[in-house]
N, C-alpha and C. Protein backbone atom coordinates (compact mmCIF):
# COMPACT_ATOMS: atom_id res chain seq x y z
N UNK A 1 92.04 84.38 110.47
CA UNK A 1 91.72 85.53 111.09
C UNK A 1 91.58 86.82 110.00
N UNK A 2 90.68 87.41 110.17
CA UNK A 2 90.71 88.89 109.21
C UNK A 2 90.99 89.92 109.95
N UNK A 3 92.16 90.52 109.59
CA UNK A 3 92.61 91.95 110.28
C UNK A 3 92.49 93.07 109.51
N UNK A 4 92.27 94.32 110.02
CA UNK A 4 92.05 95.49 109.27
C UNK A 4 93.02 96.32 110.06
N UNK A 5 94.04 96.87 109.45
CA UNK A 5 94.88 97.99 109.98
C UNK A 5 94.45 99.27 109.55
N UNK A 6 94.53 100.19 110.30
CA UNK A 6 93.83 101.52 110.12
C UNK A 6 94.94 102.56 110.31
N UNK A 7 95.24 103.26 109.02
CA UNK A 7 96.34 104.34 109.30
C UNK A 7 95.63 105.62 109.92
N UNK A 8 96.23 106.60 110.19
CA UNK A 8 96.06 107.89 110.85
C UNK A 8 95.27 108.80 110.22
N UNK A 9 94.65 109.89 110.81
CA UNK A 9 93.98 110.86 109.75
C UNK A 9 94.62 112.15 110.23
N UNK A 10 95.93 112.33 110.76
CA UNK A 10 96.67 113.37 110.96
C UNK A 10 96.76 114.50 109.71
N UNK A 11 96.20 115.42 109.72
CA UNK A 11 96.42 116.44 108.73
C UNK A 11 97.12 117.66 109.03
N UNK A 12 97.71 118.26 108.13
CA UNK A 12 98.36 119.45 108.33
C UNK A 12 97.64 120.64 107.89
N UNK A 13 97.31 121.70 108.63
CA UNK A 13 96.52 122.77 108.28
C UNK A 13 97.51 123.93 107.45
N UNK A 14 97.32 124.28 106.40
CA UNK A 14 98.11 125.29 105.89
C UNK A 14 97.27 126.54 105.67
N UNK A 15 97.49 127.58 104.97
CA UNK A 15 96.90 128.87 104.59
C UNK A 15 95.99 128.51 103.37
N UNK A 16 96.17 127.34 102.59
CA UNK A 16 95.66 127.14 101.58
C UNK A 16 94.58 125.92 101.65
N UNK A 17 94.50 125.58 103.23
CA UNK A 17 93.45 124.36 103.41
C UNK A 17 94.19 123.25 104.01
N UNK A 18 93.91 122.19 104.19
CA UNK A 18 94.61 120.88 104.69
C UNK A 18 95.49 120.25 103.61
N UNK A 19 96.41 119.83 104.15
CA UNK A 19 97.68 119.14 103.39
C UNK A 19 97.16 117.53 103.79
N UNK A 20 97.12 116.86 102.67
CA UNK A 20 96.91 115.39 102.92
C UNK A 20 98.03 114.62 102.44
N UNK A 21 98.81 113.84 103.22
CA UNK A 21 99.82 113.12 102.69
C UNK A 21 99.28 111.98 102.62
N UNK A 22 98.99 111.18 101.29
CA UNK A 22 98.38 110.00 101.21
C UNK A 22 99.42 108.67 101.18
N UNK A 23 100.50 109.08 101.60
CA UNK A 23 101.39 107.80 101.16
C UNK A 23 101.44 107.00 102.46
N UNK A 24 101.02 105.42 102.29
CA UNK A 24 100.73 104.78 103.46
C UNK A 24 101.88 104.64 104.50
N UNK A 25 101.50 104.17 105.92
CA UNK A 25 102.43 104.12 106.69
C UNK A 25 103.10 102.67 106.48
N UNK A 26 104.48 102.62 106.28
CA UNK A 26 105.30 101.50 106.00
C UNK A 26 105.13 100.46 107.13
N UNK A 27 104.98 100.89 108.38
CA UNK A 27 105.13 99.84 109.36
C UNK A 27 103.73 99.01 109.44
N UNK A 28 102.56 99.85 108.76
CA UNK A 28 101.36 98.93 108.70
C UNK A 28 101.58 98.00 107.54
N UNK A 29 102.12 98.48 106.42
CA UNK A 29 102.27 97.65 105.10
C UNK A 29 103.22 96.39 105.70
N UNK A 30 104.08 96.37 106.54
CA UNK A 30 105.06 95.39 106.86
C UNK A 30 104.25 94.63 107.83
N UNK A 31 103.38 94.83 108.55
CA UNK A 31 102.41 94.03 109.56
C UNK A 31 101.60 93.43 108.70
N UNK A 32 100.89 93.89 107.71
CA UNK A 32 100.14 93.09 106.65
C UNK A 32 100.70 92.17 106.02
N UNK A 33 101.82 92.40 105.49
CA UNK A 33 102.78 91.37 104.70
C UNK A 33 102.99 90.16 105.93
N UNK A 34 103.29 90.60 107.05
CA UNK A 34 103.53 89.49 108.08
C UNK A 34 102.47 88.65 108.30
N UNK A 35 101.32 89.22 108.48
CA UNK A 35 99.97 88.69 108.83
C UNK A 35 99.84 87.61 107.57
N UNK A 36 99.66 88.07 106.50
CA UNK A 36 99.45 87.44 105.02
C UNK A 36 100.40 86.30 105.03
N UNK A 37 101.66 86.66 105.30
CA UNK A 37 102.65 85.51 105.12
C UNK A 37 102.25 84.34 106.16
N UNK A 38 101.55 84.53 107.36
CA UNK A 38 101.14 83.53 108.49
C UNK A 38 99.84 82.95 108.16
N UNK A 39 99.32 83.28 106.79
CA UNK A 39 98.06 82.76 106.42
C UNK A 39 96.79 83.34 106.80
N UNK A 40 96.81 84.73 107.21
CA UNK A 40 95.80 85.64 107.86
C UNK A 40 95.32 86.43 106.69
N UNK A 41 94.13 86.81 106.79
CA UNK A 41 93.53 87.98 105.80
C UNK A 41 93.98 89.30 106.43
N UNK A 42 94.66 90.27 105.70
CA UNK A 42 94.98 91.47 106.23
C UNK A 42 94.93 92.45 105.06
N UNK A 43 94.26 93.60 105.49
CA UNK A 43 94.42 94.61 104.51
C UNK A 43 94.31 96.11 105.25
N UNK A 44 94.87 97.19 104.86
CA UNK A 44 94.92 98.62 105.15
C UNK A 44 93.63 99.14 104.78
N UNK A 45 93.34 100.05 105.87
CA UNK A 45 92.18 100.98 105.74
C UNK A 45 92.95 102.66 105.91
N UNK A 46 92.97 103.41 104.92
CA UNK A 46 93.68 104.62 104.93
C UNK A 46 92.56 105.84 104.98
N UNK A 47 92.04 106.15 106.14
CA UNK A 47 90.99 107.32 105.75
C UNK A 47 91.42 108.44 105.13
N UNK A 48 92.81 108.85 104.92
CA UNK A 48 93.33 109.95 104.17
C UNK A 48 92.99 109.71 102.63
N UNK A 49 93.01 108.51 102.19
CA UNK A 49 92.65 108.23 100.85
C UNK A 49 90.96 108.23 100.63
N UNK A 50 90.41 107.74 101.75
CA UNK A 50 88.90 108.06 101.73
C UNK A 50 88.54 109.52 101.43
N UNK A 51 89.43 110.31 102.19
CA UNK A 51 88.98 111.41 102.07
C UNK A 51 89.40 112.30 100.61
N UNK A 52 90.43 111.90 100.11
CA UNK A 52 90.87 112.23 98.66
C UNK A 52 89.94 111.76 97.67
N UNK A 53 89.34 110.78 97.84
CA UNK A 53 88.47 110.03 97.02
C UNK A 53 86.99 110.47 97.26
N UNK A 54 86.78 111.42 98.25
CA UNK A 54 85.32 111.96 98.52
C UNK A 54 84.53 111.02 99.14
N UNK A 55 84.79 109.74 99.60
CA UNK A 55 84.39 108.48 100.34
C UNK A 55 84.14 109.24 101.71
N UNK A 56 84.93 110.25 102.22
CA UNK A 56 84.69 110.61 103.53
C UNK A 56 84.99 112.22 103.45
N UNK A 57 84.16 112.99 104.37
CA UNK A 57 84.54 114.43 104.36
C UNK A 57 84.95 115.11 105.44
N UNK A 58 85.69 116.11 105.42
CA UNK A 58 85.91 116.81 106.81
C UNK A 58 84.95 117.43 107.53
N UNK A 59 84.70 117.21 108.80
CA UNK A 59 83.60 117.64 109.62
C UNK A 59 83.28 116.91 110.69
N UNK A 60 82.16 117.21 111.41
CA UNK A 60 81.87 116.49 112.74
C UNK A 60 81.38 115.08 112.56
N UNK A 61 81.19 114.59 111.49
CA UNK A 61 80.82 113.11 111.21
C UNK A 61 81.89 112.48 110.64
N UNK A 62 83.21 112.94 110.35
CA UNK A 62 84.17 112.19 109.78
C UNK A 62 84.62 110.82 110.66
N UNK A 63 84.62 110.91 111.87
CA UNK A 63 84.92 109.77 112.72
C UNK A 63 83.66 108.46 112.61
N UNK A 64 82.72 108.90 112.72
CA UNK A 64 81.73 108.18 112.72
C UNK A 64 81.68 107.45 111.13
N UNK A 65 81.64 108.27 110.24
CA UNK A 65 81.70 107.71 108.93
C UNK A 65 82.95 106.83 108.62
N UNK A 66 83.84 107.01 109.14
CA UNK A 66 85.11 106.15 109.08
C UNK A 66 84.85 104.69 109.76
N UNK A 67 84.27 104.91 110.94
CA UNK A 67 83.98 103.79 111.87
C UNK A 67 82.91 102.90 111.08
N UNK A 68 82.13 103.41 110.37
CA UNK A 68 81.05 102.75 109.80
C UNK A 68 81.72 101.84 108.37
N UNK A 69 82.72 102.73 107.69
CA UNK A 69 83.47 102.05 106.70
C UNK A 69 84.25 100.92 107.10
N UNK A 70 84.95 101.01 108.30
CA UNK A 70 85.85 99.92 109.03
C UNK A 70 84.95 98.87 109.17
N UNK A 71 83.67 98.96 109.87
CA UNK A 71 82.97 97.89 110.28
C UNK A 71 82.33 97.31 109.00
N UNK A 72 81.99 98.00 108.02
CA UNK A 72 81.37 97.24 106.73
C UNK A 72 82.22 96.32 105.99
N UNK A 73 83.57 96.37 106.67
CA UNK A 73 84.66 95.38 106.07
C UNK A 73 84.66 94.04 107.08
N UNK A 74 83.88 94.25 108.15
CA UNK A 74 83.69 92.97 108.92
C UNK A 74 85.04 92.24 109.45
N UNK A 75 85.99 93.21 109.80
CA UNK A 75 86.95 92.61 110.19
C UNK A 75 86.93 91.88 111.66
N UNK A 76 87.82 90.88 111.84
CA UNK A 76 87.93 90.31 113.42
C UNK A 76 88.70 90.99 114.30
N UNK A 77 89.65 91.61 113.86
CA UNK A 77 90.70 92.40 114.58
C UNK A 77 90.88 93.84 113.86
N UNK A 78 90.85 94.83 114.53
CA UNK A 78 91.24 95.96 113.79
C UNK A 78 92.44 96.59 114.80
N UNK A 79 93.42 97.17 114.11
CA UNK A 79 94.65 97.89 114.62
C UNK A 79 94.49 99.18 114.24
N UNK A 80 94.68 100.13 114.93
CA UNK A 80 95.21 101.46 114.76
C UNK A 80 96.56 102.15 114.97
N UNK A 81 96.94 102.92 114.30
CA UNK A 81 98.30 103.78 114.46
C UNK A 81 98.10 104.67 115.67
C-alpha cells in the first residue's frame, strides 16, 4: 500500500503577514514510521513547506493546487490531519 499523510495548512495571521510554522506533525511522522515498519510505502506531504518553497501560493487556488500535488504522487490512501 502507498500512503500519503497530509499535514494541515493552518496559518497564524500577524500584523506582519502570515506566520508559517513548518515543523511537521509528530503524530503523522509516527504513523509513517509504523506504516513503513509494516512494509508499506508512506510519506508526508506538508503544504506549509510547499508554501515556503514557492511551490504553492496563498490565494483562491491554494487547495486545488495542493490537491493536484497530492494526486501527482499517486497514493492509494490519503490521510489528513
